[in-house]
Amino acid sequence: MPESEPIATIRVPSWFKEWVKAHKRDDETMFEAWQRLSGGPHPREVTGILSGEAAETMLERIEAKNSQPKSC
C-alpha cells in the first residue's frame, strides 16, 4: 500500500481476525494477508493505477496461484 494512501479502521469479528492471522504469511502485513485471502482487487479494477512492472507481477502471482492444485 502506498504511503500516501488514506488509512481506515474496520470492525471485524474476533474469529475473522484470528482466521486471517492464522493464514498470514511471515512476510505479510494483516492487510496483505486479508487482500490475498479475499482475492481482491481484480486487476481490471486497478488498471492505470499500477505500474507495468507491478501489474505484470500481480498477473504472474495470480497465474501461479491458479495453477496450484486445489485443496479441499
PDB file of N, CA and C in Angstrom:
ATOM      1  N   MET A   1       0.856  -1.167   0.000  1.00  0.00           N
ATOM      2  CA  MET A   1       0.000   0.000   0.000  1.00  0.00           C
ATOM      3  C   MET A   1       0.901   1.228   0.000  1.00  0.00           C
ATOM      4  N   PRO A   2       0.635   2.183  -0.905  1.00  0.00           N
ATOM      5  CA  PRO A   2       1.448   3.400  -0.939  1.00  0.00           C
ATOM      6  C   PRO A   2       1.336   4.184   0.359  1.00  0.00           C
ATOM      7  N   GLU A   3       2.422   4.841   0.746  1.00  0.00           N
ATOM      8  CA  GLU A   3       2.441   5.618   1.991  1.00  0.00           C
ATOM      9  C   GLU A   3       1.368   6.702   2.013  1.00  0.00           C
ATOM     10  N   SER A   4       1.030   7.258   0.851  1.00  0.00           N
ATOM     11  CA  SER A   4       0.066   8.357   0.809  1.00  0.00           C
ATOM     12  C   SER A   4      -1.380   7.873   0.863  1.00  0.00           C
ATOM     13  N   GLU A   5      -1.585   6.578   0.863  1.00  0.00           N
ATOM     14  CA  GLU A   5      -2.930   6.010   0.871  1.00  0.00           C
ATOM     15  C   GLU A   5      -3.602   6.297   2.217  1.00  0.00           C
ATOM     16  N   PRO A   6      -4.840   6.820   2.195  1.00  0.00           N
ATOM     17  CA  PRO A   6      -5.546   7.047   3.458  1.00  0.00           C
ATOM     18  C   PRO A   6      -5.785   5.723   4.187  1.00  0.00           C
ATOM     19  N   ILE A   7      -5.782   5.769   5.490  1.00  0.00           N
ATOM     20  CA  ILE A   7      -5.994   4.585   6.311  1.00  0.00           C
ATOM     21  C   ILE A   7      -7.388   4.657   6.919  1.00  0.00           C
ATOM     22  N   ALA A   8      -8.080   3.513   6.929  1.00  0.00           N
ATOM     23  CA  ALA A   8      -9.398   3.427   7.542  1.00  0.00           C
ATOM     24  C   ALA A   8      -9.387   2.263   8.524  1.00  0.00           C
ATOM     25  N   THR A   9     -10.175   2.363   9.536  1.00  0.00           N
ATOM     26  CA  THR A   9     -10.319   1.295  10.506  1.00  0.00           C
ATOM     27  C   THR A   9     -11.631   0.590  10.230  1.00  0.00           C
ATOM     28  N   ILE A  10     -11.586  -0.739  10.231  1.00  0.00           N
ATOM     29  CA  ILE A  10     -12.817  -1.503  10.061  1.00  0.00           C
ATOM     30  C   ILE A  10     -12.982  -2.425  11.253  1.00  0.00           C
ATOM     31  N   ARG A  11     -14.223  -2.779  11.519  1.00  0.00           N
ATOM     32  CA  ARG A  11     -14.507  -3.698  12.616  1.00  0.00           C
ATOM     33  C   ARG A  11     -14.848  -5.050  12.022  1.00  0.00           C
ATOM     34  N   VAL A  12     -14.172  -6.076  12.521  1.00  0.00           N
ATOM     35  CA  VAL A  12     -14.453  -7.448  12.108  1.00  0.00           C
ATOM     36  C   VAL A  12     -14.589  -8.292  13.366  1.00  0.00           C
ATOM     37  N   PRO A  13     -15.331  -9.384  13.277  1.00  0.00           N
ATOM     38  CA  PRO A  13     -15.442 -10.265  14.442  1.00  0.00           C
ATOM     39  C   PRO A  13     -14.073 -10.838  14.813  1.00  0.00           C
ATOM     40  N   SER A  14     -13.883 -11.123  16.069  1.00  0.00           N
ATOM     41  CA  SER A  14     -12.608 -11.673  16.550  1.00  0.00           C
ATOM     42  C   SER A  14     -12.234 -12.952  15.817  1.00  0.00           C
ATOM     43  N   TRP A  15     -13.229 -13.811  15.543  1.00  0.00           N
ATOM     44  CA  TRP A  15     -12.930 -15.070  14.861  1.00  0.00           C
ATOM     45  C   TRP A  15     -12.348 -14.816  13.475  1.00  0.00           C
ATOM     46  N   PHE A  16     -12.830 -13.752  12.802  1.00  0.00           N
ATOM     47  CA  PHE A  16     -12.331 -13.449  11.459  1.00  0.00           C
ATOM     48  C   PHE A  16     -10.894 -12.944  11.535  1.00  0.00           C
ATOM     49  N   LYS A  17     -10.625 -12.083  12.492  1.00  0.00           N
ATOM     50  CA  LYS A  17      -9.265 -11.582  12.675  1.00  0.00           C
ATOM     51  C   LYS A  17      -8.311 -12.738  12.964  1.00  0.00           C
ATOM     52  N   GLU A  18      -8.724 -13.666  13.804  1.00  0.00           N
ATOM     53  CA  GLU A  18      -7.885 -14.811  14.143  1.00  0.00           C
ATOM     54  C   GLU A  18      -7.688 -15.727  12.939  1.00  0.00           C
ATOM     55  N   TRP A  19      -8.716 -15.867  12.105  1.00  0.00           N
ATOM     56  CA  TRP A  19      -8.612 -16.679  10.899  1.00  0.00           C
ATOM     57  C   TRP A  19      -7.582 -16.077   9.945  1.00  0.00           C
ATOM     58  N   VAL A  20      -7.657 -14.758   9.723  1.00  0.00           N
ATOM     59  CA  VAL A  20      -6.683 -14.093   8.859  1.00  0.00           C
ATOM     60  C   VAL A  20      -5.285 -14.241   9.453  1.00  0.00           C
ATOM     61  N   LYS A  21      -5.171 -14.018  10.750  1.00  0.00           N
ATOM     62  CA  LYS A  21      -3.878 -14.122  11.431  1.00  0.00           C
ATOM     63  C   LYS A  21      -3.291 -15.532  11.285  1.00  0.00           C
ATOM     64  N   ALA A  22      -4.132 -16.546  11.363  1.00  0.00           N
ATOM     65  CA  ALA A  22      -3.677 -17.930  11.245  1.00  0.00           C
ATOM     66  C   ALA A  22      -3.171 -18.252   9.839  1.00  0.00           C
ATOM     67  N   HIS A  23      -3.695 -17.547   8.841  1.00  0.00           N
ATOM     68  CA  HIS A  23      -3.307 -17.792   7.454  1.00  0.00           C
ATOM     69  C   HIS A  23      -2.288 -16.781   6.929  1.00  0.00           C
ATOM     70  N   LYS A  24      -1.907 -15.828   7.776  1.00  0.00           N
ATOM     71  CA  LYS A  24      -0.953 -14.790   7.393  1.00  0.00           C
ATOM     72  C   LYS A  24       0.433 -15.379   7.255  1.00  0.00           C
ATOM     73  N   ARG A  25       1.100 -15.005   6.182  1.00  0.00           N
ATOM     74  CA  ARG A  25       2.480 -15.443   5.979  1.00  0.00           C
ATOM     75  C   ARG A  25       3.408 -14.536   6.791  1.00  0.00           C
ATOM     76  N   ASP A  26       4.582 -15.038   7.112  1.00  0.00           N
ATOM     77  CA  ASP A  26       5.524 -14.276   7.939  1.00  0.00           C
ATOM     78  C   ASP A  26       5.927 -12.944   7.310  1.00  0.00           C
ATOM     79  N   ASP A  27       5.952 -12.888   5.991  1.00  0.00           N
ATOM     80  CA  ASP A  27       6.387 -11.662   5.315  1.00  0.00           C
ATOM     81  C   ASP A  27       5.226 -10.747   4.923  1.00  0.00           C
ATOM     82  N   GLU A  28       4.024 -10.999   5.434  1.00  0.00           N
ATOM     83  CA  GLU A  28       2.842 -10.200   5.094  1.00  0.00           C
ATOM     84  C   GLU A  28       2.378  -9.360   6.271  1.00  0.00           C
ATOM     85  N   THR A  29       1.764  -8.243   5.952  1.00  0.00           N
ATOM     86  CA  THR A  29       1.013  -7.494   6.956  1.00  0.00           C
ATOM     87  C   THR A  29      -0.374  -8.126   7.030  1.00  0.00           C
ATOM     88  N   MET A  30      -1.139  -7.754   8.028  1.00  0.00           N
ATOM     89  CA  MET A  30      -2.512  -8.253   8.117  1.00  0.00           C
ATOM     90  C   MET A  30      -3.310  -7.827   6.885  1.00  0.00           C
ATOM     91  N   PHE A  31      -3.113  -6.593   6.432  1.00  0.00           N
ATOM     92  CA  PHE A  31      -3.808  -6.122   5.241  1.00  0.00           C
ATOM     93  C   PHE A  31      -3.457  -6.967   4.024  1.00  0.00           C
ATOM     94  N   GLU A  32      -2.164  -7.251   3.836  1.00  0.00           N
ATOM     95  CA  GLU A  32      -1.735  -8.056   2.688  1.00  0.00           C
ATOM     96  C   GLU A  32      -2.336  -9.458   2.751  1.00  0.00           C
ATOM     97  N   ALA A  33      -2.375 -10.033   3.947  1.00  0.00           N
ATOM     98  CA  ALA A  33      -2.980 -11.362   4.106  1.00  0.00           C
ATOM     99  C   ALA A  33      -4.464 -11.313   3.776  1.00  0.00           C
ATOM    100  N   TRP A  34      -5.156 -10.320   4.294  1.00  0.00           N
ATOM    101  CA  TRP A  34      -6.589 -10.182   4.034  1.00  0.00           C
ATOM    102  C   TRP A  34      -6.840  -9.989   2.545  1.00  0.00           C
ATOM    103  N   GLN A  35      -6.029  -9.182   1.920  1.00  0.00           N
ATOM    104  CA  GLN A  35      -6.172  -8.939   0.488  1.00  0.00           C
ATOM    105  C   GLN A  35      -5.939 -10.235  -0.294  1.00  0.00           C
ATOM    106  N   ARG A  36      -4.901 -10.980   0.058  1.00  0.00           N
ATOM    107  CA  ARG A  36      -4.609 -12.244  -0.629  1.00  0.00           C
ATOM    108  C   ARG A  36      -5.728 -13.244  -0.416  1.00  0.00           C
ATOM    109  N   LEU A  37      -6.191 -13.379   0.822  1.00  0.00           N
ATOM    110  CA  LEU A  37      -7.218 -14.366   1.139  1.00  0.00           C
ATOM    111  C   LEU A  37      -8.574 -14.013   0.530  1.00  0.00           C
ATOM    112  N   SER A  38      -8.840 -12.738   0.365  1.00  0.00           N
ATOM    113  CA  SER A  38     -10.122 -12.327  -0.214  1.00  0.00           C
ATOM    114  C   SER A  38     -10.093 -12.311  -1.728  1.00  0.00           C
ATOM    115  N   GLY A  39      -8.870 -12.384  -2.295  1.00  0.00           N
ATOM    116  CA  GLY A  39      -8.751 -12.440  -3.743  1.00  0.00           C
ATOM    117  C   GLY A  39      -8.868 -11.105  -4.441  1.00  0.00           C
ATOM    118  N   GLY A  40      -9.018 -10.009  -3.737  1.00  0.00           N
ATOM    119  CA  GLY A  40      -9.232  -8.736  -4.414  1.00  0.00           C
ATOM    120  C   GLY A  40      -8.033  -7.831  -4.345  1.00  0.00           C
ATOM    121  N   PRO A  41      -8.022  -6.749  -5.034  1.00  0.00           N
ATOM    122  CA  PRO A  41      -8.968  -6.376  -6.081  1.00  0.00           C
ATOM    123  C   PRO A  41      -8.629  -7.051  -7.403  1.00  0.00           C
ATOM    124  N   HIS A  42      -9.604  -7.124  -8.288  1.00  0.00           N
ATOM    125  CA  HIS A  42      -9.384  -7.696  -9.609  1.00  0.00           C
ATOM    126  C   HIS A  42      -8.466  -6.767 -10.392  1.00  0.00           C
ATOM    127  N   PRO A  43      -7.540  -7.306 -11.193  1.00  0.00           N
ATOM    128  CA  PRO A  43      -6.618  -6.453 -11.946  1.00  0.00           C
ATOM    129  C   PRO A  43      -7.309  -5.367 -12.788  1.00  0.00           C
ATOM    130  N   ARG A  44      -8.492  -5.653 -13.326  1.00  0.00           N
ATOM    131  CA  ARG A  44      -9.211  -4.635 -14.116  1.00  0.00           C
ATOM    132  C   ARG A  44      -9.561  -3.416 -13.274  1.00  0.00           C
ATOM    133  N   GLU A  45      -9.780  -3.627 -11.976  1.00  0.00           N
ATOM    134  CA  GLU A  45     -10.168  -2.523 -11.102  1.00  0.00           C
ATOM    135  C   GLU A  45      -9.018  -1.576 -10.815  1.00  0.00           C
ATOM    136  N   VAL A  46      -7.802  -2.015 -11.051  1.00  0.00           N
ATOM    137  CA  VAL A  46      -6.645  -1.166 -10.775  1.00  0.00           C
ATOM    138  C   VAL A  46      -5.902  -0.762 -12.048  1.00  0.00           C
ATOM    139  N   THR A  47      -6.555  -0.956 -13.198  1.00  0.00           N
ATOM    140  CA  THR A  47      -5.951  -0.562 -14.466  1.00  0.00           C
ATOM    141  C   THR A  47      -5.610   0.912 -14.431  1.00  0.00           C
ATOM    142  N   GLY A  48      -4.395   1.243 -14.810  1.00  0.00           N
ATOM    143  CA  GLY A  48      -3.953   2.624 -14.828  1.00  0.00           C
ATOM    144  C   GLY A  48      -3.383   3.100 -13.502  1.00  0.00           C
ATOM    145  N   ILE A  49      -3.565   2.338 -12.445  1.00  0.00           N
ATOM    146  CA  ILE A  49      -3.054   2.708 -11.131  1.00  0.00           C
ATOM    147  C   ILE A  49      -1.687   2.072 -10.906  1.00  0.00           C
ATOM    148  N   LEU A  50      -1.549   0.819 -11.327  1.00  0.00           N
ATOM    149  CA  LEU A  50      -0.298   0.088 -11.131  1.00  0.00           C
ATOM    150  C   LEU A  50       0.691   0.394 -12.239  1.00  0.00           C
ATOM    151  N   SER A  51       1.961   0.308 -11.917  1.00  0.00           N
ATOM    152  CA  SER A  51       2.990   0.396 -12.948  1.00  0.00           C
ATOM    153  C   SER A  51       2.930  -0.881 -13.771  1.00  0.00           C
ATOM    154  N   GLY A  52       3.512  -0.866 -14.935  1.00  0.00           N
ATOM    155  CA  GLY A  52       3.546  -2.059 -15.767  1.00  0.00           C
ATOM    156  C   GLY A  52       4.202  -3.223 -15.059  1.00  0.00           C
ATOM    157  N   GLU A  53       5.287  -2.934 -14.338  1.00  0.00           N
ATOM    158  CA  GLU A  53       6.005  -3.979 -13.605  1.00  0.00           C
ATOM    159  C   GLU A  53       5.135  -4.572 -12.494  1.00  0.00           C
ATOM    160  N   ALA A  54       4.445  -3.720 -11.745  1.00  0.00           N
ATOM    161  CA  ALA A  54       3.585  -4.200 -10.662  1.00  0.00           C
ATOM    162  C   ALA A  54       2.427  -5.021 -11.219  1.00  0.00           C
ATOM    163  N   ALA A  55       1.850  -4.572 -12.327  1.00  0.00           N
ATOM    164  CA  ALA A  55       0.749  -5.299 -12.947  1.00  0.00           C
ATOM    165  C   ALA A  55       1.218  -6.672 -13.431  1.00  0.00           C
ATOM    166  N   GLU A  56       2.397  -6.728 -14.031  1.00  0.00           N
ATOM    167  CA  GLU A  56       2.946  -7.992 -14.507  1.00  0.00           C
ATOM    168  C   GLU A  56       3.180  -8.949 -13.346  1.00  0.00           C
ATOM    169  N   THR A  57       3.731  -8.432 -12.247  1.00  0.00           N
ATOM    170  CA  THR A  57       3.960  -9.257 -11.055  1.00  0.00           C
ATOM    171  C   THR A  57       2.640  -9.791 -10.526  1.00  0.00           C
ATOM    172  N   MET A  58       1.621  -8.939 -10.477  1.00  0.00           N
ATOM    173  CA  MET A  58       0.310  -9.341  -9.984  1.00  0.00           C
ATOM    174  C   MET A  58      -0.261 -10.471 -10.848  1.00  0.00           C
ATOM    175  N   LEU A  59      -0.189 -10.311 -12.161  1.00  0.00           N
ATOM    176  CA  LEU A  59      -0.711 -11.341 -13.058  1.00  0.00           C
ATOM    177  C   LEU A  59       0.065 -12.649 -12.925  1.00  0.00           C
ATOM    178  N   GLU A  60       1.381 -12.567 -12.766  1.00  0.00           N
ATOM    179  CA  GLU A  60       2.185 -13.774 -12.591  1.00  0.00           C
ATOM    180  C   GLU A  60       1.783 -14.519 -11.319  1.00  0.00           C
ATOM    181  N   ARG A  61       1.549 -13.777 -10.248  1.00  0.00           N
ATOM    182  CA  ARG A  61       1.160 -14.407  -8.980  1.00  0.00           C
ATOM    183  C   ARG A  61      -0.222 -15.043  -9.086  1.00  0.00           C
ATOM    184  N   ILE A  62      -1.137 -14.364  -9.774  1.00  0.00           N
ATOM    185  CA  ILE A  62      -2.486 -14.920  -9.966  1.00  0.00           C
ATOM    186  C   ILE A  62      -2.398 -16.208 -10.768  1.00  0.00           C
ATOM    187  N   GLU A  63      -1.637 -16.183 -11.849  1.00  0.00           N
ATOM    188  CA  GLU A  63      -1.489 -17.374 -12.679  1.00  0.00           C
ATOM    189  C   GLU A  63      -0.846 -18.519 -11.899  1.00  0.00           C
ATOM    190  N   ALA A  64       0.169 -18.207 -11.100  1.00  0.00           N
ATOM    191  CA  ALA A  64       0.828 -19.239 -10.293  1.00  0.00           C
ATOM    192  C   ALA A  64      -0.148 -19.841  -9.285  1.00  0.00           C
ATOM    193  N   LYS A  65      -0.937 -18.989  -8.650  1.00  0.00           N
ATOM    194  CA  LYS A  65      -1.913 -19.470  -7.668  1.00  0.00           C
ATOM    195  C   LYS A  65      -2.974 -20.318  -8.344  1.00  0.00           C
ATOM    196  N   ASN A  66      -3.437 -19.895  -9.506  1.00  0.00           N
ATOM    197  CA  ASN A  66      -4.470 -20.626 -10.225  1.00  0.00           C
ATOM    198  C   ASN A  66      -3.978 -21.977 -10.737  1.00  0.00           C
ATOM    199  N   SER A  67      -2.659 -22.124 -10.914  1.00  0.00           N
ATOM    200  CA  SER A  67      -2.118 -23.386 -11.421  1.00  0.00           C
ATOM    201  C   SER A  67      -1.838 -24.383 -10.301  1.00  0.00           C
ATOM    202  N   GLN A  68      -1.957 -23.940  -9.041  1.00  0.00           N
ATOM    203  CA  GLN A  68      -1.737 -24.834  -7.908  1.00  0.00           C
ATOM    204  C   GLN A  68      -2.937 -25.755  -7.737  1.00  0.00           C
ATOM    205  N   PRO A  69      -2.705 -27.001  -7.282  1.00  0.00           N
ATOM    206  CA  PRO A  69      -3.822 -27.908  -7.021  1.00  0.00           C
ATOM    207  C   PRO A  69      -4.731 -27.332  -5.945  1.00  0.00           C
ATOM    208  N   LYS A  70      -6.002 -27.496  -6.130  1.00  0.00           N
ATOM    209  CA  LYS A  70      -6.980 -27.017  -5.152  1.00  0.00           C
ATOM    210  C   LYS A  70      -7.019 -27.965  -3.960  1.00  0.00           C
ATOM    211  N   SER A  71      -7.039 -27.404  -2.746  1.00  0.00           N
ATOM    212  CA  SER A  71      -7.148 -28.243  -1.555  1.00  0.00           C
ATOM    213  C   SER A  71      -8.585 -28.243  -1.073  1.00  0.00           C
ATOM    214  N   CYS A  72      -9.001 -29.330  -0.491  1.00  0.00           N
ATOM    215  CA  CYS A  72     -10.384 -29.456  -0.022  1.00  0.00           C
ATOM    216  C   CYS A  72     -10.515 -29.085   1.406  1.00  0.00           C
TER     217      CYS A  72
END
